[in-house]
Amino acid sequence: MSSSRLGLCLAACLLNISEARRKYIVENIAKAALLEKNGHRYPEVSVLNIFSFSDQDYNRSIIIAASVNELGNSVLAASVEAFKSVNVEAQEGIPCLGAVDLIPIYTLSRGQVDK
């Protein structure tokens, strides 16, 4: 993700969801990470990668979302979609903790965070 603003604070979230075999579900979760409820894109949010990190054997996908001030809203929206879409009782793969297993967040660049 690039921006012309100096001092932009960037972070990435490797959102681990318990789905890799049904592509349309993974795509819907990625779409939820990008779009607000009104259908407009979250500002300064990108889904950087989906399927090169999908693991068919473990039935997990890692969606990498990068953002500035909207990361929390984006990750929450994607997580809500995962909770609606992934049936963990029918999930096949290694035992999972839930529709979303892990939400690690990494700082990519330090800068001014809008409050």
PDB file of N, CA and C in Angstrom:
ATOM      1  N   MET A   1       0.854  -1.171   0.000  1.00  0.00           N
ATOM      2  CA  MET A   1       0.000   0.000   0.000  1.00  0.00           C
ATOM      3  C   MET A   1       0.891   1.221   0.000  1.00  0.00           C
ATOM      4  N   SER A   2       0.581   2.168  -0.819  1.00  0.00           N
ATOM      5  CA  SER A   2       1.381   3.383  -0.849  1.00  0.00           C
ATOM      6  C   SER A   2       0.490   4.584  -0.600  1.00  0.00           C
ATOM      7  N   SER A   3       1.104   5.633  -0.119  1.00  0.00           N
ATOM      8  CA  SER A   3       0.361   6.854   0.139  1.00  0.00           C
ATOM      9  C   SER A   3       1.296   8.031  -0.044  1.00  0.00           C
ATOM     10  N   SER A   4       0.726   9.152  -0.447  1.00  0.00           N
ATOM     11  CA  SER A   4       1.537  10.346  -0.608  1.00  0.00           C
ATOM     12  C   SER A   4       1.676  11.103   0.713  1.00  0.00           C
ATOM     13  N   ARG A   5       0.913  10.711   1.731  1.00  0.00           N
ATOM     14  CA  ARG A   5       0.999  11.382   3.027  1.00  0.00           C
ATOM     15  C   ARG A   5       2.254  10.944   3.759  1.00  0.00           C
ATOM     16  N   LEU A   6       3.000  11.906   4.272  1.00  0.00           N
ATOM     17  CA  LEU A   6       4.177  11.592   5.071  1.00  0.00           C
ATOM     18  C   LEU A   6       3.733  11.270   6.483  1.00  0.00           C
ATOM     19  N   GLY A   7       4.462  10.404   7.138  1.00  0.00           N
ATOM     20  CA  GLY A   7       4.171  10.084   8.517  1.00  0.00           C
ATOM     21  C   GLY A   7       3.027   9.115   8.698  1.00  0.00           C
ATOM     22  N   LEU A   8       2.634   8.419   7.657  1.00  0.00           N
ATOM     23  CA  LEU A   8       1.532   7.469   7.724  1.00  0.00           C
ATOM     24  C   LEU A   8       1.938   6.251   8.547  1.00  0.00           C
ATOM     25  N   CYS A   9       1.093   5.846   9.481  1.00  0.00           N
ATOM     26  CA  CYS A   9       1.363   4.669  10.304  1.00  0.00           C
ATOM     27  C   CYS A   9       0.675   3.469   9.662  1.00  0.00           C
ATOM     28  N   LEU A  10       1.466   2.482   9.243  1.00  0.00           N
ATOM     29  CA  LEU A  10       0.929   1.306   8.571  1.00  0.00           C
ATOM     30  C   LEU A  10       1.051   0.079   9.455  1.00  0.00           C
ATOM     31  N   ALA A  11       0.049  -0.791   9.392  1.00  0.00           N
ATOM     32  CA  ALA A  11       0.073  -2.055  10.124  1.00  0.00           C
ATOM     33  C   ALA A  11      -0.510  -3.132   9.225  1.00  0.00           C
ATOM     34  N   ALA A  12      -0.191  -4.380   9.531  1.00  0.00           N
ATOM     35  CA  ALA A  12      -0.727  -5.509   8.778  1.00  0.00           C
ATOM     36  C   ALA A  12      -1.290  -6.510   9.763  1.00  0.00           C
ATOM     37  N   CYS A  13      -2.374  -7.149   9.369  1.00  0.00           N
ATOM     38  CA  CYS A  13      -3.002  -8.176  10.183  1.00  0.00           C
ATOM     39  C   CYS A  13      -3.032  -9.469   9.387  1.00  0.00           C
ATOM     40  N   LEU A  14      -2.463 -10.516   9.934  1.00  0.00           N
ATOM     41  CA  LEU A  14      -2.508 -11.831   9.309  1.00  0.00           C
ATOM     42  C   LEU A  14      -3.685 -12.575   9.923  1.00  0.00           C
ATOM     43  N   LEU A  15      -4.870 -12.292   9.439  1.00  0.00           N
ATOM     44  CA  LEU A  15      -6.104 -12.836   9.996  1.00  0.00           C
ATOM     45  C   LEU A  15      -6.231 -14.307   9.612  1.00  0.00           C
ATOM     46  N   ASN A  16      -6.150 -15.198  10.585  1.00  0.00           N
ATOM     47  CA  ASN A  16      -6.231 -16.636  10.344  1.00  0.00           C
ATOM     48  C   ASN A  16      -7.681 -17.079  10.440  1.00  0.00           C
ATOM     49  N   ILE A  17      -8.274 -17.448   9.314  1.00  0.00           N
ATOM     50  CA  ILE A  17      -9.648 -17.934   9.304  1.00  0.00           C
ATOM     51  C   ILE A  17      -9.668 -19.421   9.019  1.00  0.00           C
ATOM     52  N   SER A  18     -10.666 -20.099   9.538  1.00  0.00           N
ATOM     53  CA  SER A  18     -10.770 -21.557   9.420  1.00  0.00           C
ATOM     54  C   SER A  18     -11.506 -21.958   8.151  1.00  0.00           C
ATOM     55  N   GLU A  19     -10.972 -21.551   7.024  1.00  0.00           N
ATOM     56  CA  GLU A  19     -11.548 -21.910   5.728  1.00  0.00           C
ATOM     57  C   GLU A  19     -10.502 -21.704   4.651  1.00  0.00           C
ATOM     58  N   ALA A  20     -10.315 -22.706   3.801  1.00  0.00           N
ATOM     59  CA  ALA A  20      -9.423 -22.571   2.653  1.00  0.00           C
ATOM     60  C   ALA A  20      -9.975 -23.306   1.448  1.00  0.00           C
ATOM     61  N   ARG A  21     -10.928 -24.181   1.656  1.00  0.00           N
ATOM     62  CA  ARG A  21     -11.396 -25.039   0.568  1.00  0.00           C
ATOM     63  C   ARG A  21     -12.543 -24.426  -0.224  1.00  0.00           C
ATOM     64  N   ARG A  22     -13.308 -23.558   0.412  1.00  0.00           N
ATOM     65  CA  ARG A  22     -14.423 -22.913  -0.292  1.00  0.00           C
ATOM     66  C   ARG A  22     -14.021 -21.471  -0.596  1.00  0.00           C
ATOM     67  N   LYS A  23     -13.550 -21.284  -1.830  1.00  0.00           N
ATOM     68  CA  LYS A  23     -12.981 -20.005  -2.254  1.00  0.00           C
ATOM     69  C   LYS A  23     -13.958 -18.845  -2.088  1.00  0.00           C
ATOM     70  N   TYR A  24     -15.245 -19.071  -2.366  1.00  0.00           N
ATOM     71  CA  TYR A  24     -16.213 -17.970  -2.288  1.00  0.00           C
ATOM     72  C   TYR A  24     -16.347 -17.442  -0.856  1.00  0.00           C
ATOM     73  N   ILE A  25     -16.199 -18.309   0.149  1.00  0.00           N
ATOM     74  CA  ILE A  25     -16.281 -17.845   1.534  1.00  0.00           C
ATOM     75  C   ILE A  25     -15.069 -16.981   1.868  1.00  0.00           C
ATOM     76  N   VAL A  26     -13.891 -17.424   1.463  1.00  0.00           N
ATOM     77  CA  VAL A  26     -12.672 -16.648   1.708  1.00  0.00           C
ATOM     78  C   VAL A  26     -12.763 -15.294   1.001  1.00  0.00           C
ATOM     79  N   GLU A  27     -13.269 -15.282  -0.225  1.00  0.00           N
ATOM     80  CA  GLU A  27     -13.423 -14.026  -0.959  1.00  0.00           C
ATOM     81  C   GLU A  27     -14.430 -13.095  -0.278  1.00  0.00           C
ATOM     82  N   ASN A  28     -15.522 -13.642   0.250  1.00  0.00           N
ATOM     83  CA  ASN A  28     -16.503 -12.808   0.964  1.00  0.00           C
ATOM     84  C   ASN A  28     -15.914 -12.207   2.235  1.00  0.00           C
ATOM     85  N   ILE A  29     -15.075 -12.964   2.921  1.00  0.00           N
ATOM     86  CA  ILE A  29     -14.428 -12.444   4.128  1.00  0.00           C
ATOM     87  C   ILE A  29     -13.445 -11.334   3.753  1.00  0.00           C
ATOM     88  N   ALA A  30     -12.697 -11.530   2.677  1.00  0.00           N
ATOM     89  CA  ALA A  30     -11.779 -10.481   2.203  1.00  0.00           C
ATOM     90  C   ALA A  30     -12.551  -9.232   1.796  1.00  0.00           C
ATOM     91  N   LYS A  31     -13.691  -9.419   1.123  1.00  0.00           N
ATOM     92  CA  LYS A  31     -14.519  -8.287   0.711  1.00  0.00           C
ATOM     93  C   LYS A  31     -15.027  -7.514   1.933  1.00  0.00           C
ATOM     94  N   ALA A  32     -15.415  -8.243   2.983  1.00  0.00           N
ATOM     95  CA  ALA A  32     -15.876  -7.599   4.219  1.00  0.00           C
ATOM     96  C   ALA A  32     -14.763  -6.762   4.846  1.00  0.00           C
ATOM     97  N   ALA A  33     -13.514  -7.203   4.696  1.00  0.00           N
ATOM     98  CA  ALA A  33     -12.385  -6.437   5.229  1.00  0.00           C
ATOM     99  C   ALA A  33     -12.215  -5.103   4.511  1.00  0.00           C
ATOM    100  N   LEU A  34     -12.704  -5.030   3.269  1.00  0.00           N
ATOM    101  CA  LEU A  34     -12.532  -3.825   2.456  1.00  0.00           C
ATOM    102  C   LEU A  34     -13.693  -2.845   2.523  1.00  0.00           C
ATOM    103  N   LEU A  35     -14.903  -3.342   2.779  1.00  0.00           N
ATOM    104  CA  LEU A  35     -16.097  -2.507   2.622  1.00  0.00           C
ATOM    105  C   LEU A  35     -16.800  -2.199   3.939  1.00  0.00           C
ATOM    106  N   GLU A  36     -17.162  -0.946   4.105  1.00  0.00           N
ATOM    107  CA  GLU A  36     -17.982  -0.539   5.234  1.00  0.00           C
ATOM    108  C   GLU A  36     -19.410  -1.031   5.011  1.00  0.00           C
ATOM    109  N   LYS A  37     -20.266  -0.939   6.023  1.00  0.00           N
ATOM    110  CA  LYS A  37     -21.656  -1.400   5.898  1.00  0.00           C
ATOM    111  C   LYS A  37     -22.413  -0.680   4.793  1.00  0.00           C
ATOM    112  N   ASN A  38     -22.045   0.574   4.520  1.00  0.00           N
ATOM    113  CA  ASN A  38     -22.733   1.337   3.473  1.00  0.00           C
ATOM    114  C   ASN A  38     -22.216   0.995   2.076  1.00  0.00           C
ATOM    115  N   GLY A  39     -21.273   0.048   1.975  1.00  0.00           N
ATOM    116  CA  GLY A  39     -20.766  -0.372   0.680  1.00  0.00           C
ATOM    117  C   GLY A  39     -19.566   0.402   0.175  1.00  0.00           C
ATOM    118  N   HIS A  40     -19.194   1.475   0.880  1.00  0.00           N
ATOM    119  CA  HIS A  40     -18.007   2.236   0.501  1.00  0.00           C
ATOM    120  C   HIS A  40     -16.765   1.537   1.032  1.00  0.00           C
ATOM    121  N   ARG A  41     -15.661   1.703   0.321  1.00  0.00           N
ATOM    122  CA  ARG A  41     -14.401   1.105   0.781  1.00  0.00           C
ATOM    123  C   ARG A  41     -13.902   1.817   2.025  1.00  0.00           C
ATOM    124  N   TYR A  42     -13.337   1.006   2.955  1.00  0.00           N
ATOM    125  CA  TYR A  42     -12.642   1.620   4.079  1.00  0.00           C
ATOM    126  C   TYR A  42     -11.470   2.414   3.508  1.00  0.00           C
ATOM    127  N   PRO A  43     -11.256   3.628   4.015  1.00  0.00           N
ATOM    128  CA  PRO A  43     -10.105   4.381   3.524  1.00  0.00           C
ATOM    129  C   PRO A  43      -8.810   3.722   4.006  1.00  0.00           C
ATOM    130  N   GLU A  44      -7.818   3.723   3.159  1.00  0.00           N
ATOM    131  CA  GLU A  44      -6.475   3.277   3.525  1.00  0.00           C
ATOM    132  C   GLU A  44      -6.411   1.815   3.962  1.00  0.00           C
ATOM    133  N   VAL A  45      -7.222   0.958   3.353  1.00  0.00           N
ATOM    134  CA  VAL A  45      -7.217  -0.472   3.654  1.00  0.00           C
ATOM    135  C   VAL A  45      -7.053  -1.249   2.358  1.00  0.00           C
ATOM    136  N   SER A  46      -6.195  -2.252   2.384  1.00  0.00           N
ATOM    137  CA  SER A  46      -6.014  -3.138   1.238  1.00  0.00           C
ATOM    138  C   SER A  46      -5.914  -4.574   1.722  1.00  0.00           C
ATOM    139  N   VAL A  47      -6.480  -5.487   0.971  1.00  0.00           N
ATOM    140  CA  VAL A  47      -6.222  -6.902   1.204  1.00  0.00           C
ATOM    141  C   VAL A  47      -5.068  -7.242   0.275  1.00  0.00           C
ATOM    142  N   LEU A  48      -3.939  -7.574   0.858  1.00  0.00           N
ATOM    143  CA  LEU A  48      -2.727  -7.745   0.073  1.00  0.00           C
ATOM    144  C   LEU A  48      -2.575  -9.133  -0.521  1.00  0.00           C
ATOM    145  N   ASN A  49      -3.098 -10.145   0.168  1.00  0.00           N
ATOM    146  CA  ASN A  49      -2.918 -11.504  -0.312  1.00  0.00           C
ATOM    147  C   ASN A  49      -3.941 -12.410   0.354  1.00  0.00           C
ATOM    148  N   ILE A  50      -4.380 -13.420  -0.393  1.00  0.00           N
ATOM    149  CA  ILE A  50      -5.299 -14.397   0.179  1.00  0.00           C
ATOM    150  C   ILE A  50      -4.808 -15.803  -0.112  1.00  0.00           C
ATOM    151  N   PHE A  51      -4.864 -16.191  -1.361  1.00  0.00           N
ATOM    152  CA  PHE A  51      -4.778 -17.604  -1.707  1.00  0.00           C
ATOM    153  C   PHE A  51      -3.378 -18.186  -1.717  1.00  0.00           C
ATOM    154  N   SER A  52      -2.343 -17.387  -1.847  1.00  0.00           N
ATOM    155  CA  SER A  52      -1.022 -18.002  -1.793  1.00  0.00           C
ATOM    156  C   SER A  52      -0.700 -18.476  -0.385  1.00  0.00           C
ATOM    157  N   PHE A  53      -1.495 -18.025   0.601  1.00  0.00           N
ATOM    158  CA  PHE A  53      -1.295 -18.460   1.978  1.00  0.00           C
ATOM    159  C   PHE A  53      -2.348 -19.478   2.427  1.00  0.00           C
ATOM    160  N   SER A  54      -3.278 -19.832   1.558  1.00  0.00           N
ATOM    161  CA  SER A  54      -4.301 -20.812   1.930  1.00  0.00           C
ATOM    162  C   SER A  54      -3.667 -22.192   2.047  1.00  0.00           C
ATOM    163  N   ASP A  55      -4.081 -22.928   3.050  1.00  0.00           N
ATOM    164  CA  ASP A  55      -3.558 -24.258   3.297  1.00  0.00           C
ATOM    165  C   ASP A  55      -4.705 -25.257   3.232  1.00  0.00           C
ATOM    166  N   GLN A  56      -4.761 -26.031   2.171  1.00  0.00           N
ATOM    167  CA  GLN A  56      -5.847 -26.987   1.955  1.00  0.00           C
ATOM    168  C   GLN A  56      -5.857 -28.091   3.013  1.00  0.00           C
ATOM    169  N   ASP A  57      -4.675 -28.576   3.419  1.00  0.00           N
ATOM    170  CA  ASP A  57      -4.615 -29.669   4.393  1.00  0.00           C
ATOM    171  C   ASP A  57      -5.143 -29.238   5.763  1.00  0.00           C
ATOM    172  N   TYR A  58      -4.730 -28.080   6.200  1.00  0.00           N
ATOM    173  CA  TYR A  58      -5.175 -27.582   7.499  1.00  0.00           C
ATOM    174  C   TYR A  58      -6.509 -26.857   7.401  1.00  0.00           C
ATOM    175  N   ASN A  59      -6.948 -26.571   6.173  1.00  0.00           N
ATOM    176  CA  ASN A  59      -8.183 -25.832   5.915  1.00  0.00           C
ATOM    177  C   ASN A  59      -8.160 -24.473   6.606  1.00  0.00           C
ATOM    178  N   ARG A  60      -7.098 -23.731   6.380  1.00  0.00           N
ATOM    179  CA  ARG A  60      -6.928 -22.389   6.928  1.00  0.00           C
ATOM    180  C   ARG A  60      -6.520 -21.452   5.805  1.00  0.00           C
ATOM    181  N   SER A  61      -6.912 -20.202   5.932  1.00  0.00           N
ATOM    182  CA  SER A  61      -6.442 -19.146   5.042  1.00  0.00           C
ATOM    183  C   SER A  61      -5.905 -18.028   5.904  1.00  0.00           C
ATOM    184  N   ILE A  62      -4.958 -17.338   5.372  1.00  0.00           N
ATOM    185  CA  ILE A  62      -4.443 -16.144   6.026  1.00  0.00           C
ATOM    186  C   ILE A  62      -4.713 -14.986   5.090  1.00  0.00           C
ATOM    187  N   ILE A  63      -5.506 -14.062   5.541  1.00  0.00           N
ATOM    188  CA  ILE A  63      -5.794 -12.860   4.776  1.00  0.00           C
ATOM    189  C   ILE A  63      -4.936 -11.753   5.362  1.00  0.00           C
ATOM    190  N   ILE A  64      -4.115 -11.166   4.540  1.00  0.00           N
ATOM    191  CA  ILE A  64      -3.262 -10.085   5.018  1.00  0.00           C
ATOM    192  C   ILE A  64      -3.929  -8.761   4.672  1.00  0.00           C
ATOM    193  N   ALA A  65      -4.326  -8.013   5.672  1.00  0.00           N
ATOM    194  CA  ALA A  65      -4.931  -6.702   5.465  1.00  0.00           C
ATOM    195  C   ALA A  65      -3.973  -5.635   5.975  1.00  0.00           C
ATOM    196  N   ALA A  66      -3.752  -4.598   5.191  1.00  0.00           N
ATOM    197  CA  ALA A  66      -2.886  -3.504   5.618  1.00  0.00           C
ATOM    198  C   ALA A  66      -3.720  -2.245   5.719  1.00  0.00           C
ATOM    199  N   SER A  67      -3.437  -1.425   6.694  1.00  0.00           N
ATOM    200  CA  SER A  67      -4.226  -0.233   6.908  1.00  0.00           C
ATOM    201  C   SER A  67      -3.458   0.787   7.732  1.00  0.00           C
ATOM    202  N   VAL A  68      -4.120   1.897   7.966  1.00  0.00           N
ATOM    203  CA  VAL A  68      -3.569   2.926   8.838  1.00  0.00           C
ATOM    204  C   VAL A  68      -4.479   3.026  10.057  1.00  0.00           C
ATOM    205  N   ASN A  69      -5.486   3.847   9.979  1.00  0.00           N
ATOM    206  CA  ASN A  69      -6.385   4.070  11.103  1.00  0.00           C
ATOM    207  C   ASN A  69      -7.620   3.180  11.062  1.00  0.00           C
ATOM    208  N   GLU A  70      -7.841   2.494   9.983  1.00  0.00           N
ATOM    209  CA  GLU A  70      -9.038   1.680   9.811  1.00  0.00           C
ATOM    210  C   GLU A  70      -8.803   0.192  10.038  1.00  0.00           C
ATOM    211  N   LEU A  71      -7.607  -0.194  10.475  1.00  0.00           N
ATOM    212  CA  LEU A  71      -7.298  -1.612  10.618  1.00  0.00           C
ATOM    213  C   LEU A  71      -8.284  -2.317  11.546  1.00  0.00           C
ATOM    214  N   GLY A  72      -8.582  -1.727  12.673  1.00  0.00           N
ATOM    215  CA  GLY A  72      -9.506  -2.352  13.622  1.00  0.00           C
ATOM    216  C   GLY A  72     -10.883  -2.581  13.037  1.00  0.00           C
ATOM    217  N   ASN A  73     -11.427  -1.580  12.344  1.00  0.00           N
ATOM    218  CA  ASN A  73     -12.744  -1.725  11.718  1.00  0.00           C
ATOM    219  C   ASN A  73     -12.727  -2.804  10.643  1.00  0.00           C
ATOM    220  N   SER A  74     -11.659  -2.838   9.858  1.00  0.00           N
ATOM    221  CA  SER A  74     -11.530  -3.800   8.778  1.00  0.00           C
ATOM    222  C   SER A  74     -11.431  -5.225   9.311  1.00  0.00           C
ATOM    223  N   VAL A  75     -10.603  -5.442  10.308  1.00  0.00           N
ATOM    224  CA  VAL A  75     -10.426  -6.773  10.897  1.00  0.00           C
ATOM    225  C   VAL A  75     -11.719  -7.220  11.574  1.00  0.00           C
ATOM    226  N   LEU A  76     -12.392  -6.319  12.266  1.00  0.00           N
ATOM    227  CA  LEU A  76     -13.656  -6.668  12.911  1.00  0.00           C
ATOM    228  C   LEU A  76     -14.702  -7.077  11.880  1.00  0.00           C
ATOM    229  N   ALA A  77     -14.816  -6.327  10.791  1.00  0.00           N
ATOM    230  CA  ALA A  77     -15.795  -6.654   9.746  1.00  0.00           C
ATOM    231  C   ALA A  77     -15.488  -8.014   9.120  1.00  0.00           C
ATOM    232  N   ALA A  78     -14.216  -8.293   8.852  1.00  0.00           N
ATOM    233  CA  ALA A  78     -13.832  -9.593   8.285  1.00  0.00           C
ATOM    234  C   ALA A  78     -14.112 -10.716   9.278  1.00  0.00           C
ATOM    235  N   SER A  79     -13.852 -10.480  10.551  1.00  0.00           N
ATOM    236  CA  SER A  79     -14.099 -11.496  11.585  1.00  0.00           C
ATOM    237  C   SER A  79     -15.586 -11.794  11.725  1.00  0.00           C
ATOM    238  N   VAL A  80     -16.413 -10.767  11.688  1.00  0.00           N
ATOM    239  CA  VAL A  80     -17.865 -10.960  11.767  1.00  0.00           C
ATOM    240  C   VAL A  80     -18.342 -11.806  10.586  1.00  0.00           C
ATOM    241  N   GLU A  81     -17.846 -11.505   9.385  1.00  0.00           N
ATOM    242  CA  GLU A  81     -18.213 -12.294   8.204  1.00  0.00           C
ATOM    243  C   GLU A  81     -17.740 -13.739   8.355  1.00  0.00           C
ATOM    244  N   ALA A  82     -16.561 -13.943   8.908  1.00  0.00           N
ATOM    245  CA  ALA A  82     -16.064 -15.307   9.133  1.00  0.00           C
ATOM    246  C   ALA A  82     -16.961 -16.044  10.119  1.00  0.00           C
ATOM    247  N   PHE A  83     -17.378 -15.392  11.187  1.00  0.00           N
ATOM    248  CA  PHE A  83     -18.256 -16.032  12.169  1.00  0.00           C
ATOM    249  C   PHE A  83     -19.596 -16.419  11.554  1.00  0.00           C
ATOM    250  N   LYS A  84     -20.080 -15.609  10.606  1.00  0.00           N
ATOM    251  CA  LYS A  84     -21.344 -15.917   9.923  1.00  0.00           C
ATOM    252  C   LYS A  84     -21.185 -17.048   8.913  1.00  0.00           C
ATOM    253  N   SER A  85     -20.014 -17.152   8.288  1.00  0.00           N
ATOM    254  CA  SER A  85     -19.823 -18.014   7.125  1.00  0.00           C
ATOM    255  C   SER A  85     -19.182 -19.369   7.407  1.00  0.00           C
ATOM    256  N   VAL A  86     -18.378 -19.453   8.441  1.00  0.00           N
ATOM    257  CA  VAL A  86     -17.616 -20.673   8.701  1.00  0.00           C
ATOM    258  C   VAL A  86     -18.321 -21.490   9.774  1.00  0.00           C
ATOM    259  N   ASN A  87     -18.728 -22.701   9.420  1.00  0.00           N
ATOM    260  CA  ASN A  87     -19.349 -23.625  10.376  1.00  0.00           C
ATOM    261  C   ASN A  87     -18.234 -24.460  10.984  1.00  0.00           C
ATOM    262  N   VAL A  88     -17.816 -24.112  12.208  1.00  0.00           N
ATOM    263  CA  VAL A  88     -16.682 -24.814  12.809  1.00  0.00           C
ATOM    264  C   VAL A  88     -17.025 -26.251  13.182  1.00  0.00           C
ATOM    265  N   GLU A  89     -18.304 -26.565  13.346  1.00  0.00           N
ATOM    266  CA  GLU A  89     -18.686 -27.951  13.641  1.00  0.00           C
ATOM    267  C   GLU A  89     -18.487 -28.843  12.425  1.00  0.00           C
ATOM    268  N   ALA A  90     -18.582 -28.279  11.236  1.00  0.00           N
ATOM    269  CA  ALA A  90     -18.389 -29.048  10.004  1.00  0.00           C
ATOM    270  C   ALA A  90     -17.003 -28.848   9.413  1.00  0.00           C
ATOM    271  N   GLN A  91     -16.183 -28.018  10.048  1.00  0.00           N
ATOM    272  CA  GLN A  91     -14.857 -27.709   9.533  1.00  0.00           C
ATOM    273  C   GLN A  91     -13.980 -28.951   9.586  1.00  0.00           C
ATOM    274  N   GLU A  92     -13.363 -29.262   8.457  1.00  0.00           N
ATOM    275  CA  GLU A  92     -12.451 -30.397   8.386  1.00  0.00           C
ATOM    276  C   GLU A  92     -11.038 -29.877   8.229  1.00  0.00           C
ATOM    277  N   GLY A  93     -10.150 -30.414   8.979  1.00  0.00           N
ATOM    278  CA  GLY A  93      -8.760 -29.981   9.025  1.00  0.00           C
ATOM    279  C   GLY A  93      -8.288 -30.226  10.437  1.00  0.00           C
ATOM    280  N   ILE A  94      -7.162 -29.676  10.803  1.00  0.00           N
ATOM    281  CA  ILE A  94      -6.715 -29.863  12.174  1.00  0.00           C
ATOM    282  C   ILE A  94      -7.708 -29.166  13.096  1.00  0.00           C
ATOM    283  N   PRO A  95      -7.786 -29.574  14.355  1.00  0.00           N
ATOM    284  CA  PRO A  95      -8.734 -28.903  15.259  1.00  0.00           C
ATOM    285  C   PRO A  95      -8.526 -27.392  15.258  1.00  0.00           C
ATOM    286  N   CYS A  96      -9.625 -26.683  15.227  1.00  0.00           N
ATOM    287  CA  CYS A  96      -9.547 -25.227  15.200  1.00  0.00           C
ATOM    288  C   CYS A  96     -10.165 -24.664  16.468  1.00  0.00           C
ATOM    289  N   LEU A  97      -9.823 -23.445  16.774  1.00  0.00           N
ATOM    290  CA  LEU A  97     -10.372 -22.766  17.937  1.00  0.00           C
ATOM    291  C   LEU A  97     -11.696 -22.092  17.619  1.00  0.00           C
ATOM    292  N   GLY A  98     -11.896 -21.738  16.373  1.00  0.00           N
ATOM    293  CA  GLY A  98     -13.104 -21.052  15.970  1.00  0.00           C
ATOM    294  C   GLY A  98     -13.014 -20.620  14.530  1.00  0.00           C
ATOM    295  N   ALA A  99     -13.978 -19.838  14.088  1.00  0.00           N
ATOM    296  CA  ALA A  99     -13.980 -19.345  12.716  1.00  0.00           C
ATOM    297  C   ALA A  99     -12.744 -18.493  12.446  1.00  0.00           C
ATOM    298  N   VAL A 100     -12.328 -17.741  13.444  1.00  0.00           N
ATOM    299  CA  VAL A 100     -11.083 -16.973  13.389  1.00  0.00           C
ATOM    300  C   VAL A 100     -10.202 -17.518  14.507  1.00  0.00           C
ATOM    301  N   ASP A 101      -9.036 -18.027  14.128  1.00  0.00           N
ATOM    302  CA  ASP A 101      -8.155 -18.654  15.114  1.00  0.00           C
ATOM    303  C   ASP A 101      -7.137 -17.715  15.736  1.00  0.00           C
ATOM    304  N   LEU A 102      -6.689 -16.736  14.967  1.00  0.00           N
ATOM    305  CA  LEU A 102      -5.592 -15.904  15.419  1.00  0.00           C
ATOM    306  C   LEU A 102      -5.660 -14.561  14.702  1.00  0.00           C
ATOM    307  N   ILE A 103      -5.348 -13.473  15.419  1.00  0.00           N
ATOM    308  CA  ILE A 103      -5.377 -12.132  14.822  1.00  0.00           C
ATOM    309  C   ILE A 103      -4.086 -11.388  15.184  1.00  0.00           C
ATOM    310  N   PRO A 104      -2.953 -11.805  14.619  1.00  0.00           N
ATOM    311  CA  PRO A 104      -1.717 -11.059  14.902  1.00  0.00           C
ATOM    312  C   PRO A 104      -1.665  -9.772  14.080  1.00  0.00           C
ATOM    313  N   ILE A 105      -1.183  -8.712  14.709  1.00  0.00           N
ATOM    314  CA  ILE A 105      -1.063  -7.412  14.051  1.00  0.00           C
ATOM    315  C   ILE A 105       0.389  -6.955  14.157  1.00  0.00           C
ATOM    316  N   TYR A 106       0.927  -6.508  13.032  1.00  0.00           N
ATOM    317  CA  TYR A 106       2.323  -6.107  12.951  1.00  0.00           C
ATOM    318  C   TYR A 106       2.422  -4.666  12.465  1.00  0.00           C
ATOM    319  N   THR A 107       3.299  -3.892  13.068  1.00  0.00           N
ATOM    320  CA  THR A 107       3.577  -2.553  12.609  1.00  0.00           C
ATOM    321  C   THR A 107       4.492  -2.619  11.397  1.00  0.00           C
ATOM    322  N   LEU A 108       4.106  -1.912  10.335  1.00  0.00           N
ATOM    323  CA  LEU A 108       4.932  -1.856   9.123  1.00  0.00           C
ATOM    324  C   LEU A 108       5.733  -0.570   9.037  1.00  0.00           C
ATOM    325  N   SER A 109       5.148   0.518   9.491  1.00  0.00           N
ATOM    326  CA  SER A 109       5.870   1.795   9.535  1.00  0.00           C
ATOM    327  C   SER A 109       5.270   2.635  10.640  1.00  0.00           C
ATOM    328  N   ARG A 110       6.099   3.392  11.252  1.00  0.00           N
ATOM    329  CA  ARG A 110       5.624   4.256  12.347  1.00  0.00           C
ATOM    330  C   ARG A 110       5.391   5.657  11.789  1.00  0.00           C
ATOM    331  N   GLY A 111       4.340   6.258  12.255  1.00  0.00           N
ATOM    332  CA  GLY A 111       4.013   7.612  11.815  1.00  0.00           C
ATOM    333  C   GLY A 111       2.921   8.159  12.698  1.00  0.00           C
ATOM    334  N   GLN A 112       2.290   9.188  12.241  1.00  0.00           N
ATOM    335  CA  GLN A 112       1.220   9.850  12.970  1.00  0.00           C
ATOM    336  C   GLN A 112      -0.070   9.047  12.814  1.00  0.00           C
ATOM    337  N   VAL A 113      -0.696   8.679  13.911  1.00  0.00           N
ATOM    338  CA  VAL A 113      -1.990   7.992  13.887  1.00  0.00           C
ATOM    339  C   VAL A 113      -3.062   9.032  14.181  1.00  0.00           C
ATOM    340  N   ASP A 114      -4.074   9.126  13.293  1.00  0.00           N
ATOM    341  CA  ASP A 114      -5.173  10.052  13.533  1.00  0.00           C
ATOM    342  C   ASP A 114      -6.006   9.549  14.685  1.00  0.00           C
ATOM    343  N   LYS A 115      -6.421  10.444  15.554  1.00  0.00           N
ATOM    344  CA  LYS A 115      -7.208  10.050  16.712  1.00  0.00           C
ATOM    345  C   LYS A 115      -8.626  10.502  16.564  1.00  0.00           C
TER     346      LYS A 115
END
